[in-house]
PDB file of N, CA and C in Angstrom:
ATOM      1  N   PRO A   1      62.933 294.027  65.808  1.00  0.00           N
ATOM      2  CA  PRO A   1      62.711 292.733  66.432  1.00  0.00           C
ATOM      3  C   PRO A   1      63.213 292.752  67.865  1.00  0.00           C
ATOM      4  N   THR A   2      62.501 292.045  68.648  1.00  0.00           N
ATOM      5  CA  THR A   2      62.838 291.955  70.058  1.00  0.00           C
ATOM      6  C   THR A   2      63.876 290.866  70.252  1.00  0.00           C
ATOM      7  N   LEU A   3      64.392 290.825  71.463  1.00  0.00           N
ATOM      8  CA  LEU A   3      65.369 289.791  71.793  1.00  0.00           C
ATOM      9  C   LEU A   3      64.759 288.414  71.662  1.00  0.00           C
ATOM     10  N   MET A   4      63.510 288.281  72.064  1.00  0.00           N
ATOM     11  CA  MET A   4      62.817 286.998  71.955  1.00  0.00           C
ATOM     12  C   MET A   4      62.671 286.591  70.493  1.00  0.00           C
ATOM     13  N   ASP A   5      62.358 287.575  69.649  1.00  0.00           N
ATOM     14  CA  ASP A   5      62.239 287.273  68.222  1.00  0.00           C
ATOM     15  C   ASP A   5      63.574 286.783  67.677  1.00  0.00           C
ATOM     16  N   CYS A   6      64.629 287.468  68.076  1.00  0.00           N
ATOM     17  CA  CYS A   6      65.978 287.065  67.613  1.00  0.00           C
ATOM     18  C   CYS A   6      66.312 285.663  68.099  1.00  0.00           C
ATOM     19  N   LEU A   7      66.026 285.409  69.362  1.00  0.00           N
ATOM     20  CA  LEU A   7      66.299 284.079  69.909  1.00  0.00           C
ATOM     21  C   LEU A   7      65.456 283.012  69.214  1.00  0.00           C
ATOM     22  N   TYR A   8      64.191 283.359  68.955  1.00  0.00           N
ATOM     23  CA  TYR A   8      63.294 282.416  68.273  1.00  0.00           C
ATOM     24  C   TYR A   8      63.827 282.079  66.893  1.00  0.00           C
ATOM     25  N   TYR A   9      64.173 283.105  66.113  1.00  0.00           N
ATOM     26  CA  TYR A   9      64.661 282.866  64.752  1.00  0.00           C
ATOM     27  C   TYR A   9      65.997 282.135  64.766  1.00  0.00           C
ATOM     28  N   ARG A  10      66.803 282.463  65.753  1.00  0.00           N
ATOM     29  CA  ARG A  10      68.096 281.791  65.864  1.00  0.00           C
ATOM     30  C   ARG A  10      67.888 280.315  66.217  1.00  0.00           C
ATOM     31  N   ALA A  11      66.982 280.046  67.144  1.00  0.00           N
ATOM     32  CA  ALA A  11      66.680 278.660  67.511  1.00  0.00           C
ATOM     33  C   ALA A  11      66.061 277.927  66.332  1.00  0.00           C
ATOM     34  N   LYS A  12      65.200 278.619  65.607  1.00  0.00           N
ATOM     35  CA  LYS A  12      64.570 278.026  64.429  1.00  0.00           C
ATOM     36  C   LYS A  12      65.629 277.706  63.377  1.00  0.00           C
ATOM     37  N   ASP A  13      66.551 278.636  63.158  1.00  0.00           N
ATOM     38  CA  ASP A  13      67.638 278.401  62.200  1.00  0.00           C
ATOM     39  C   ASP A  13      68.525 277.253  62.667  1.00  0.00           C
ATOM     40  N   ARG A  14      68.808 277.219  63.960  1.00  0.00           N
ATOM     41  CA  ARG A  14      69.639 276.138  64.506  1.00  0.00           C
ATOM     42  C   ARG A  14      68.943 274.802  64.330  1.00  0.00           C
ATOM     43  N   TRP A  15      67.637 274.779  64.585  1.00  0.00           N
ATOM     44  CA  TRP A  15      66.865 273.545  64.400  1.00  0.00           C
ATOM     45  C   TRP A  15      66.900 273.116  62.927  1.00  0.00           C
ATOM     46  N   ALA A  16      66.804 274.049  62.024  1.00  0.00           N
ATOM     47  CA  ALA A  16      66.866 273.751  60.591  1.00  0.00           C
ATOM     48  C   ALA A  16      68.246 273.198  60.234  1.00  0.00           C
ATOM     49  N   VAL A  17      69.291 273.770  60.809  1.00  0.00           N
ATOM     50  CA  VAL A  17      70.649 273.287  60.565  1.00  0.00           C
ATOM     51  C   VAL A  17      70.799 271.856  61.081  1.00  0.00           C
ATOM     52  N   VAL A  18      70.291 271.583  62.282  1.00  0.00           N
ATOM     53  CA  VAL A  18      70.372 270.232  62.852  1.00  0.00           C
ATOM     54  C   VAL A  18      69.626 269.247  61.959  1.00  0.00           C
ATOM     55  N   ARG A  19      68.434 269.623  61.484  1.00  0.00           N
ATOM     56  CA  ARG A  19      67.657 268.740  60.597  1.00  0.00           C
ATOM     57  C   ARG A  19      68.408 268.500  59.295  1.00  0.00           C
ATOM     58  N   MET A  20      69.030 269.541  58.756  1.00  0.00           N
ATOM     59  CA  MET A  20      69.789 269.391  57.508  1.00  0.00           C
ATOM     60  C   MET A  20      70.988 268.468  57.732  1.00  0.00           C
ATOM     61  N   GLU A  21      71.646 268.603  58.890  1.00  0.00           N
ATOM     62  CA  GLU A  21      72.779 267.720  59.206  1.00  0.00           C
ATOM     63  C   GLU A  21      72.316 266.274  59.329  1.00  0.00           C
ATOM     64  N   GLU A  22      71.145 266.080  59.951  1.00  0.00           N
ATOM     65  CA  GLU A  22      70.608 264.719  60.060  1.00  0.00           C
ATOM     66  C   GLU A  22      70.273 264.147  58.689  1.00  0.00           C
ATOM     67  N   GLU A  23      69.645 264.970  57.845  1.00  0.00           N
ATOM     68  CA  GLU A  23      69.312 264.522  56.492  1.00  0.00           C
ATOM     69  C   GLU A  23      70.584 264.210  55.697  1.00  0.00           C
ATOM     70  N   LEU A  24      71.595 265.059  55.855  1.00  0.00           N
ATOM     71  CA  LEU A  24      72.870 264.839  55.181  1.00  0.00           C
ATOM     72  C   LEU A  24      73.504 263.550  55.680  1.00  0.00           C
ATOM     73  N   SER A  25      73.456 263.349  57.002  1.00  0.00           N
ATOM     74  CA  SER A  25      74.013 262.133  57.584  1.00  0.00           C
ATOM     75  C   SER A  25      73.269 260.907  57.054  1.00  0.00           C
ATOM     76  N   THR A  26      71.955 260.997  56.979  1.00  0.00           N
ATOM     77  CA  THR A  26      71.148 259.898  56.446  1.00  0.00           C
ATOM     78  C   THR A  26      71.485 259.663  54.972  1.00  0.00           C
ATOM     79  N   SER A  27      71.615 260.751  54.225  1.00  0.00           N
ATOM     80  CA  SER A  27      71.967 260.630  52.802  1.00  0.00           C
ATOM     81  C   SER A  27      73.346 260.010  52.631  1.00  0.00           C
ATOM     82  N   GLU A  28      74.292 260.432  53.474  1.00  0.00           N
ATOM     83  CA  GLU A  28      75.635 259.855  53.408  1.00  0.00           C
ATOM     84  C   GLU A  28      75.605 258.364  53.728  1.00  0.00           C
ATOM     85  N   MET A  29      74.793 258.005  54.725  1.00  0.00           N
ATOM     86  CA  MET A  29      74.665 256.601  55.113  1.00  0.00           C
ATOM     87  C   MET A  29      74.065 255.802  53.949  1.00  0.00           C
ATOM     88  N   GLU A  30      73.032 256.344  53.334  1.00  0.00           N
ATOM     89  CA  GLU A  30      72.414 255.664  52.187  1.00  0.00           C
ATOM     90  C   GLU A  30      73.385 255.562  51.022  1.00  0.00           C
ATOM     91  N   ALA A  31      74.162 256.633  50.812  1.00  0.00           N
ATOM     92  CA  ALA A  31      75.163 256.602  49.741  1.00  0.00           C
ATOM     93  C   ALA A  31      76.223 255.548  50.034  1.00  0.00           C
ATOM     94  N   ARG A  32      76.655 255.435  51.287  1.00  0.00           N
ATOM     95  CA  ARG A  32      77.640 254.427  51.678  1.00  0.00           C
ATOM     96  C   ARG A  32      77.088 253.019  51.436  1.00  0.00           C
ATOM     97  N   LYS A  33      75.825 252.830  51.837  1.00  0.00           N
ATOM     98  CA  LYS A  33      75.185 251.526  51.621  1.00  0.00           C
ATOM     99  C   LYS A  33      75.079 251.226  50.127  1.00  0.00           C
ATOM    100  N   ALA A  34      74.739 252.245  49.353  1.00  0.00           N
ATOM    101  CA  ALA A  34      74.641 252.060  47.906  1.00  0.00           C
ATOM    102  C   ALA A  34      76.006 251.693  47.322  1.00  0.00           C
ATOM    103  N   HIS A  35      77.070 252.344  47.792  1.00  0.00           N
ATOM    104  CA  HIS A  35      78.420 252.019  47.322  1.00  0.00           C
ATOM    105  C   HIS A  35      78.797 250.596  47.710  1.00  0.00           C
ATOM    106  N   GLU A  36      78.441 250.192  48.923  1.00  0.00           N
ATOM    107  CA  GLU A  36      78.728 248.825  49.362  1.00  0.00           C
ATOM    108  C   GLU A  36      77.973 247.818  48.495  1.00  0.00           C
ATOM    109  N   ALA A  37      76.735 248.144  48.160  1.00  0.00           N
ATOM    110  CA  ALA A  37      75.944 247.257  47.294  1.00  0.00           C
ATOM    111  C   ALA A  37      76.575 247.165  45.907  1.00  0.00           C
ATOM    112  N   VAL A  38      77.030 248.310  45.391  1.00  0.00           N
ATOM    113  CA  VAL A  38      77.692 248.318  44.082  1.00  0.00           C
ATOM    114  C   VAL A  38      78.980 247.485  44.140  1.00  0.00           C
ATOM    115  N   ASP A  39      79.756 247.653  45.214  1.00  0.00           N
ATOM    116  CA  ASP A  39      80.981 246.868  45.377  1.00  0.00           C
ATOM    117  C   ASP A  39      80.678 245.377  45.440  1.00  0.00           C
ATOM    118  N   PHE A  40      79.633 245.008  46.193  1.00  0.00           N
ATOM    119  CA  PHE A  40      79.241 243.602  46.299  1.00  0.00           C
ATOM    120  C   PHE A  40      78.859 243.046  44.926  1.00  0.00           C
ATOM    121  N   VAL A  41      78.040 243.802  44.205  1.00  0.00           N
ATOM    122  CA  VAL A  41      77.619 243.357  42.866  1.00  0.00           C
ATOM    123  C   VAL A  41      78.825 243.252  41.943  1.00  0.00           C
ATOM    124  N   GLN A  42      79.752 244.198  42.039  1.00  0.00           N
ATOM    125  CA  GLN A  42      80.952 244.153  41.199  1.00  0.00           C
ATOM    126  C   GLN A  42      81.782 242.914  41.500  1.00  0.00           C
ATOM    127  N   ARG A  43      81.906 242.564  42.795  1.00  0.00           N
ATOM    128  CA  ARG A  43      82.633 241.341  43.160  1.00  0.00           C
ATOM    129  C   ARG A  43      81.934 240.113  42.579  1.00  0.00           C
ATOM    130  N   GLU A  44      80.620 240.097  42.659  1.00  0.00           N
ATOM    131  CA  GLU A  44      79.852 238.978  42.097  1.00  0.00           C
ATOM    132  C   GLU A  44      80.058 238.894  40.584  1.00  0.00           C
ATOM    133  N   VAL A  45      80.067 240.045  39.922  1.00  0.00           N
ATOM    134  CA  VAL A  45      80.305 240.083  38.472  1.00  0.00           C
ATOM    135  C   VAL A  45      81.707 239.567  38.161  1.00  0.00           C
ATOM    136  N   ASP A  46      82.692 239.984  38.951  1.00  0.00           N
ATOM    137  CA  ASP A  46      84.066 239.520  38.744  1.00  0.00           C
ATOM    138  C   ASP A  46      84.170 238.002  38.897  1.00  0.00           C
ATOM    139  N   VAL A  47      83.512 237.465  39.926  1.00  0.00           N
ATOM    140  CA  VAL A  47      83.518 236.010  40.142  1.00  0.00           C
ATOM    141  C   VAL A  47      82.851 235.313  38.958  1.00  0.00           C
ATOM    142  N   ALA A  48      81.713 235.844  38.515  1.00  0.00           N
ATOM    143  CA  ALA A  48      80.999 235.243  37.378  1.00  0.00           C
ATOM    144  C   ALA A  48      81.857 235.293  36.116  1.00  0.00           C
ATOM    145  N   GLU A  49      82.568 236.403  35.897  1.00  0.00           N
ATOM    146  CA  GLU A  49      83.447 236.505  34.725  1.00  0.00           C
ATOM    147  C   GLU A  49      84.583 235.500  34.808  1.00  0.00           C
ATOM    148  N   ASP A  50      85.167 235.339  35.998  1.00  0.00           N
ATOM    149  CA  ASP A  50      86.228 234.348  36.181  1.00  0.00           C
ATOM    150  C   ASP A  50      85.710 232.940  35.888  1.00  0.00           C
ATOM    151  N   GLN A  51      84.515 232.637  36.391  1.00  0.00           N
ATOM    152  CA  GLN A  51      83.925 231.322  36.143  1.00  0.00           C
ATOM    153  C   GLN A  51      83.644 231.127  34.658  1.00  0.00           C
ATOM    154  N   MET A  52      83.192 232.187  33.995  1.00  0.00           N
ATOM    155  CA  MET A  52      82.913 232.102  32.567  1.00  0.00           C
ATOM    156  C   MET A  52      84.210 231.855  31.786  1.00  0.00           C
ATOM    157  N   LYS A  53      85.281 232.555  32.170  1.00  0.00           N
ATOM    158  CA  LYS A  53      86.567 232.354  31.497  1.00  0.00           C
ATOM    159  C   LYS A  53      87.075 230.936  31.709  1.00  0.00           C
ATOM    160  N   GLU A  54      86.929 230.430  32.934  1.00  0.00           N
ATOM    161  CA  GLU A  54      87.351 229.058  33.234  1.00  0.00           C
ATOM    162  C   GLU A  54      86.524 228.060  32.431  1.00  0.00           C
ATOM    163  N   SER A  55      85.228 228.310  32.332  1.00  0.00           N
ATOM    164  CA  SER A  55      84.364 227.435  31.538  1.00  0.00           C
ATOM    165  C   SER A  55      84.766 227.472  30.065  1.00  0.00           C
ATOM    166  N   GLU A  56      85.108 228.650  29.586  1.00  0.00           N
ATOM    167  CA  GLU A  56      85.525 228.784  28.189  1.00  0.00           C
ATOM    168  C   GLU A  56      86.837 228.033  27.953  1.00  0.00           C
ATOM    169  N   ARG A  57      87.780 228.151  28.908  1.00  0.00           N
ATOM    170  CA  ARG A  57      89.047 227.408  28.778  1.00  0.00           C
ATOM    171  C   ARG A  57      88.782 225.906  28.783  1.00  0.00           C
ATOM    172  N   THR A  58      87.901 225.465  29.663  1.00  0.00           N
ATOM    173  CA  THR A  58      87.556 224.048  29.729  1.00  0.00           C
ATOM    174  C   THR A  58      86.915 223.601  28.421  1.00  0.00           C
ATOM    175  N   TYR A  59      86.004 224.419  27.904  1.00  0.00           N
ATOM    176  CA  TYR A  59      85.333 224.097  26.643  1.00  0.00           C
ATOM    177  C   TYR A  59      86.338 223.999  25.502  1.00  0.00           C
ATOM    178  N   LEU A  60      87.250 224.983  25.434  1.00  0.00           N
ATOM    179  CA  LEU A  60      88.244 224.964  24.364  1.00  0.00           C
ATOM    180  C   LEU A  60      89.173 223.760  24.501  1.00  0.00           C
ATOM    181  N   GLY A  61      89.521 223.407  25.751  1.00  0.00           N
ATOM    182  CA  GLY A  61      90.350 222.223  25.968  1.00  0.00           C
ATOM    183  C   GLY A  61      89.653 220.966  25.493  1.00  0.00           C
ATOM    184  N   ARG A  62      88.378 220.870  25.789  1.00  0.00           N
ATOM    185  CA  ARG A  62      87.621 219.692  25.347  1.00  0.00           C
ATOM    186  C   ARG A  62      87.441 219.700  23.836  1.00  0.00           C
ATOM    187  N   GLN A  63      87.276 220.888  23.255  1.00  0.00           N
ATOM    188  CA  GLN A  63      87.196 220.990  21.790  1.00  0.00           C
ATOM    189  C   GLN A  63      88.481 220.458  21.172  1.00  0.00           C
ATOM    190  N   ASN A  64      89.631 220.851  21.743  1.00  0.00           N
ATOM    191  CA  ASN A  64      90.916 220.377  21.231  1.00  0.00           C
ATOM    192  C   ASN A  64      91.036 218.874  21.374  1.00  0.00           C
ATOM    193  N   GLU A  65      90.617 218.342  22.528  1.00  0.00           N
ATOM    194  CA  GLU A  65      90.660 216.892  22.730  1.00  0.00           C
ATOM    195  C   GLU A  65      89.790 216.185  21.697  1.00  0.00           C
ATOM    196  N   LEU A  66      88.614 216.748  21.436  1.00  0.00           N
ATOM    197  CA  LEU A  66      87.706 216.158  20.454  1.00  0.00           C
ATOM    198  C   LEU A  66      88.335 216.188  19.060  1.00  0.00           C
ATOM    199  N   GLU A  67      88.956 217.314  18.704  1.00  0.00           N
ATOM    200  CA  GLU A  67      89.615 217.418  17.400  1.00  0.00           C
ATOM    201  C   GLU A  67      90.751 216.402  17.282  1.00  0.00           C
ATOM    202  N   GLU A  68      91.518 216.245  18.377  1.00  0.00           N
ATOM    203  CA  GLU A  68      92.596 215.254  18.368  1.00  0.00           C
ATOM    204  C   GLU A  68      92.031 213.848  18.217  1.00  0.00           C
ATOM    205  N   ALA A  69      90.942 213.581  18.917  1.00  0.00           N
ATOM    206  CA  ALA A  69      90.320 212.258  18.820  1.00  0.00           C
ATOM    207  C   ALA A  69      89.811 212.012  17.407  1.00  0.00           C
ATOM    208  N   ARG A  70      89.239 213.053  16.807  1.00  0.00           N
ATOM    209  CA  ARG A  70      88.773 212.913  15.418  1.00  0.00           C
ATOM    210  C   ARG A  70      89.953 212.675  14.493  1.00  0.00           C
ATOM    211  N   GLY A  71      91.070 213.367  14.756  1.00  0.00           N
ATOM    212  CA  GLY A  71      92.278 213.160  13.945  1.00  0.00           C
ATOM    213  C   GLY A  71      92.789 211.743  14.119  1.00  0.00           C
ATOM    214  N   ASP A  72      92.796 211.248  15.374  1.00  0.00           N
ATOM    215  CA  ASP A  72      93.223 209.870  15.635  1.00  0.00           C
ATOM    216  C   ASP A  72      92.296 208.890  14.934  1.00  0.00           C
ATOM    217  N   GLU A  73      90.990 209.162  14.963  1.00  0.00           N
ATOM    218  CA  GLU A  73      90.007 208.286  14.318  1.00  0.00           C
ATOM    219  C   GLU A  73      90.245 208.274  12.807  1.00  0.00           C
ATOM    220  N   LYS A  74      90.532 209.447  12.251  1.00  0.00           N
ATOM    221  CA  LYS A  74      90.800 209.536  10.813  1.00  0.00           C
ATOM    222  C   LYS A  74      92.066 208.753  10.480  1.00  0.00           C
ATOM    223  N   GLU A  75      93.077 208.900  11.339  1.00  0.00           N
ATOM    224  CA  GLU A  75      94.330 208.174  11.128  1.00  0.00           C
ATOM    225  C   GLU A  75      94.088 206.666  11.210  1.00  0.00           C
ATOM    226  N   LYS A  76      93.272 206.244  12.180  1.00  0.00           N
ATOM    227  CA  LYS A  76      92.951 204.817  12.304  1.00  0.00           C
ATOM    228  C   LYS A  76      92.233 204.315  11.061  1.00  0.00           C
ATOM    229  N   LYS A  77      91.288 205.099  10.561  1.00  0.00           N
ATOM    230  CA  LYS A  77      90.562 204.705   9.346  1.00  0.00           C
ATOM    231  C   LYS A  77      91.516 204.585   8.165  1.00  0.00           C
ATOM    232  N   GLU A  78      92.454 205.533   8.084  1.00  0.00           N
ATOM    233  CA  GLU A  78      93.440 205.468   6.996  1.00  0.00           C
ATOM    234  C   GLU A  78      94.312 204.224   7.131  1.00  0.00           C
ATOM    235  N   LEU A  79      94.719 203.899   8.376  1.00  0.00           N
ATOM    236  CA  LEU A  79      95.526 202.696   8.598  1.00  0.00           C
ATOM    237  C   LEU A  79      94.743 201.438   8.247  1.00  0.00           C
ATOM    238  N   VAL A  80      93.468 201.387   8.621  1.00  0.00           N
ATOM    239  CA  VAL A  80      92.623 200.232   8.291  1.00  0.00           C
ATOM    240  C   VAL A  80      92.474 200.114   6.777  1.00  0.00           C
ATOM    241  N   ALA A  81      92.247 201.237   6.110  1.00  0.00           N
ATOM    242  CA  ALA A  81      92.120 201.212   4.649  1.00  0.00           C
ATOM    243  C   ALA A  81      93.426 200.740   4.012  1.00  0.00           C
ATOM    244  N   HIS A  82      94.550 201.222   4.523  1.00  0.00           N
ATOM    245  CA  HIS A  82      95.856 200.806   3.997  1.00  0.00           C
ATOM    246  C   HIS A  82      96.079 199.310   4.233  1.00  0.00           C
ATOM    247  N   ALA A  83      95.732 198.840   5.427  1.00  0.00           N
ATOM    248  CA  ALA A  83      95.883 197.415   5.734  1.00  0.00           C
ATOM    249  C   ALA A  83      94.975 196.580   4.847  1.00  0.00           C
ATOM    250  N   ALA A  84      93.754 197.062   4.601  1.00  0.00           N
ATOM    251  CA  ALA A  84      92.834 196.333   3.714  1.00  0.00           C
ATOM    252  C   ALA A  84      93.394 196.270   2.302  1.00  0.00           C
ATOM    253  N   ALA A  85      93.966 197.384   1.838  1.00  0.00           N
ATOM    254  CA  ALA A  85      94.567 197.401   0.497  1.00  0.00           C
ATOM    255  C   ALA A  85      95.764 196.454   0.437  1.00  0.00           C
ATOM    256  N   ALA A  86      96.583 196.461   1.485  1.00  0.00           N
ATOM    257  CA  ALA A  86      97.745 195.557   1.521  1.00  0.00           C
ATOM    258  C   ALA A  86      97.291 194.104   1.562  1.00  0.00           C
ATOM    259  N   THR A  87      96.229 193.825   2.307  1.00  0.00           N
ATOM    260  CA  THR A  87      95.693 192.462   2.378  1.00  0.00           C
ATOM    261  C   THR A  87      95.173 192.031   1.014  1.00  0.00           C
ATOM    262  N   GLU A  88      94.467 192.917   0.344  1.00  0.00           N
ATOM    263  CA  GLU A  88      93.957 192.607  -1.005  1.00  0.00           C
ATOM    264  C   GLU A  88      95.111 192.367  -1.973  1.00  0.00           C
ATOM    265  N   GLN A  89      96.130 193.195  -1.878  1.00  0.00           N
ATOM    266  CA  GLN A  89      97.308 193.024  -2.744  1.00  0.00           C
ATOM    267  C   GLN A  89      97.967 191.680  -2.457  1.00  0.00           C
ATOM    268  N   SER A  90      98.076 191.357  -1.181  1.00  0.00           N
ATOM    269  CA  SER A  90      98.674 190.088  -0.773  1.00  0.00           C
ATOM    270  C   SER A  90      97.850 188.917  -1.290  1.00  0.00           C
ATOM    271  N   ARG A  91      96.518 189.039  -1.225  1.00  0.00           N
ATOM    272  CA  ARG A  91      95.636 187.986  -1.743  1.00  0.00           C
ATOM    273  C   ARG A  91      95.828 187.807  -3.248  1.00  0.00           C
ATOM    274  N   ARG A  92      95.938 188.931  -3.959  1.00  0.00           N
ATOM    275  CA  ARG A  92      96.158 188.845  -5.414  1.00  0.00           C
ATOM    276  C   ARG A  92      97.480 188.161  -5.723  1.00  0.00           C
ATOM    277  N   VAL A  93      98.528 188.537  -4.967  1.00  0.00           N
ATOM    278  CA  VAL A  93      99.840 187.912  -5.192  1.00  0.00           C
ATOM    279  C   VAL A  93      99.759 186.419  -4.907  1.00  0.00           C
ATOM    280  N   SER A  94      99.083 186.060  -3.820  1.00  0.00           N
ATOM    281  CA  SER A  94      98.944 184.635  -3.487  1.00  0.00           C
ATOM    282  C   SER A  94      98.180 183.904  -4.577  1.00  0.00           C
ATOM    283  N   THR A  95      97.121 184.514  -5.082  1.00  0.00           N
ATOM    284  CA  THR A  95      96.333 183.903  -6.161  1.00  0.00           C
ATOM    285  C   THR A  95      97.195 183.745  -7.410  1.00  0.00           C
ATOM    286  N   ASP A  96      97.966 184.814  -7.732  1.00  0.00           N
ATOM    287  CA  ASP A  96      98.847 184.753  -8.902  1.00  0.00           C
ATOM    288  C   ASP A  96      99.906 183.668  -8.721  1.00  0.00           C
ATOM    289  N   GLN A  97     100.465 183.577  -7.496  1.00  0.00           N
ATOM    290  CA  GLN A  97     101.482 182.544  -7.236  1.00  0.00           C
ATOM    291  C   GLN A  97     100.881 181.146  -7.332  1.00  0.00           C
ATOM    292  N   ALA A  98      99.672 180.981  -6.823  1.00  0.00           N
ATOM    293  CA  ALA A  98      99.005 179.675  -6.904  1.00  0.00           C
ATOM    294  C   ALA A  98      98.744 179.311  -8.361  1.00  0.00           C
ATOM    295  N   ALA A  99      98.317 180.291  -9.152  1.00  0.00           N
ATOM    296  CA  ALA A  99      98.069 180.029 -10.572  1.00  0.00           C
ATOM    297  C   ALA A  99      99.369 179.673 -11.288  1.00  0.00           C
ATOM    298  N   ALA A 100     100.460 180.404 -10.959  1.00  0.00           N
ATOM    299  CA  ALA A 100     101.758 180.117 -11.592  1.00  0.00           C
ATOM    300  C   ALA A 100     102.244 178.726 -11.186  1.00  0.00           C
ATOM    301  N   LEU A 101     102.043 178.368  -9.915  1.00  0.00           N
ATOM    302  CA  LEU A 101     102.437 177.039  -9.438  1.00  0.00           C
ATOM    303  C   LEU A 101     101.635 175.952 -10.145  1.00  0.00           C
ATOM    304  N   ALA A 102     100.332 176.175 -10.293  1.00  0.00           N
ATOM    305  CA  ALA A 102      99.489 175.205 -10.999  1.00  0.00           C
ATOM    306  C   ALA A 102      99.924 175.079 -12.443  1.00  0.00           C
ATOM    307  N   LEU A 103     100.236 176.196 -13.082  1.00  0.00           N
ATOM    308  CA  LEU A 103     100.703 176.172 -14.477  1.00  0.00           C
ATOM    309  C   LEU A 103     102.024 175.425 -14.576  1.00  0.00           C
ATOM    310  N   ALA A 104     102.938 175.682 -13.613  1.00  0.00           N
ATOM    311  CA  ALA A 104     104.230 174.984 -13.632  1.00  0.00           C
ATOM    312  C   ALA A 104     104.017 173.484 -13.433  1.00  0.00           C
ATOM    313  N   ARG A 105     103.106 173.069 -12.561  1.00  0.00           N
ATOM    314  CA  ARG A 105     102.823 171.650 -12.357  1.00  0.00           C
ATOM    315  C   ARG A 105     102.233 171.024 -13.623  1.00  0.00           C
ATOM    316  N   ASP A 106     101.318 171.804 -14.251  1.00  0.00           N
ATOM    317  CA  ASP A 106     100.731 171.291 -15.494  1.00  0.00           C
ATOM    318  C   ASP A 106     101.806 171.095 -16.550  1.00  0.00           C
ATOM    319  N   ARG A 107     102.694 172.044 -16.697  1.00  0.00           N
ATOM    320  CA  ARG A 107     103.778 171.916 -17.693  1.00  0.00           C
ATOM    321  C   ARG A 107     104.704 170.746 -17.334  1.00  0.00           C
ATOM    322  N   GLU A 108     105.001 170.627 -16.029  1.00  0.00           N
ATOM    323  CA  GLU A 108     105.848 169.514 -15.586  1.00  0.00           C
ATOM    324  C   GLU A 108     105.178 168.180 -15.892  1.00  0.00           C
ATOM    325  N   ALA A 109     103.870 168.123 -15.678  1.00  0.00           N
ATOM    326  CA  ALA A 109     103.124 166.897 -15.970  1.00  0.00           C
ATOM    327  C   ALA A 109     103.133 166.622 -17.466  1.00  0.00           C
ATOM    328  N   GLU A 110     102.983 167.694 -18.263  1.00  0.00           N
ATOM    329  CA  GLU A 110     103.025 167.526 -19.724  1.00  0.00           C
ATOM    330  C   GLU A 110     104.403 167.041 -20.167  1.00  0.00           C
ATOM    331  N   ARG A 111     105.448 167.570 -19.607  1.00  0.00           N
ATOM    332  CA  ARG A 111     106.813 167.135 -19.963  1.00  0.00           C
ATOM    333  C   ARG A 111     107.021 165.671 -19.548  1.00  0.00           C
ATOM    334  N   GLY A 112     106.537 165.365 -18.347  1.00  0.00           N
ATOM    335  CA  GLY A 112     106.667 163.978 -17.878  1.00  0.00           C
ATOM    336  C   GLY A 112     105.918 163.018 -18.787  1.00  0.00           C
ATOM    337  N   ALA A 113     104.711 163.439 -19.223  1.00  0.00           N
ATOM    338  CA  ALA A 113     103.916 162.604 -20.112  1.00  0.00           C
ATOM    339  C   ALA A 113     104.602 162.497 -21.467  1.00  0.00           C
ATOM    340  N   ALA A 114     105.175 163.604 -21.952  1.00  0.00           N
ATOM    341  CA  ALA A 114     105.872 163.593 -23.246  1.00  0.00           C
ATOM    342  C   ALA A 114     107.104 162.709 -23.172  1.00  0.00           C
ATOM    343  N   LEU A 115     107.827 162.750 -22.060  1.00  0.00           N
ATOM    344  CA  LEU A 115     109.008 161.896 -21.904  1.00  0.00           C
ATOM    345  C   LEU A 115     108.594 160.417 -21.803  1.00  0.00           C
ATOM    346  N   HIS A 116     107.538 160.160 -21.099  1.00  0.00           N
ATOM    347  CA  HIS A 116     107.063 158.799 -20.942  1.00  0.00           C
ATOM    348  C   HIS A 116     106.580 158.236 -22.280  1.00  0.00           C
ATOM    349  N   THR A 117     105.928 159.094 -23.045  1.00  0.00           N
ATOM    350  CA  THR A 117     105.447 158.685 -24.372  1.00  0.00           C
ATOM    351  C   THR A 117     106.649 158.481 -25.304  1.00  0.00           C
ATOM    352  N   ALA A 118     107.647 159.292 -25.171  1.00  0.00           N
ATOM    353  CA  ALA A 118     108.806 159.205 -26.035  1.00  0.00           C
ATOM    354  C   ALA A 118     109.621 157.962 -25.712  1.00  0.00           C
ATOM    355  N   GLN A 119     109.546 157.392 -24.586  1.00  0.00           N
ATOM    356  CA  GLN A 119     110.339 156.212 -24.238  1.00  0.00           C
ATOM    357  C   GLN A 119     109.642 155.030 -24.758  1.00  0.00           C
TER     358      GLN A 119
END
């Protein structure tokens, strides 16, 4: 090979090296962009997971409030039922007392009539 041939092949090899470096640089740039995109998506996923956890905590808190309200409602119903039973018992006692009072008045009237007849 002549000197020109050597220079030609050397220049050709150098040009190939420069092109490979450019391609590598482009690939590195694309890889960097891809990593940045992955990082961005990961941050978005992290934010979404945090929001989901917060929503779940809120949901569970409201579930607990609802359960407490249902417990309070059940307690109120039990108190109303107890008050109704006590009222019914009180009504029965009042009815029994009224009947006993009427019976006592009737007996008193009978005694008064018997005493009046006996005189």
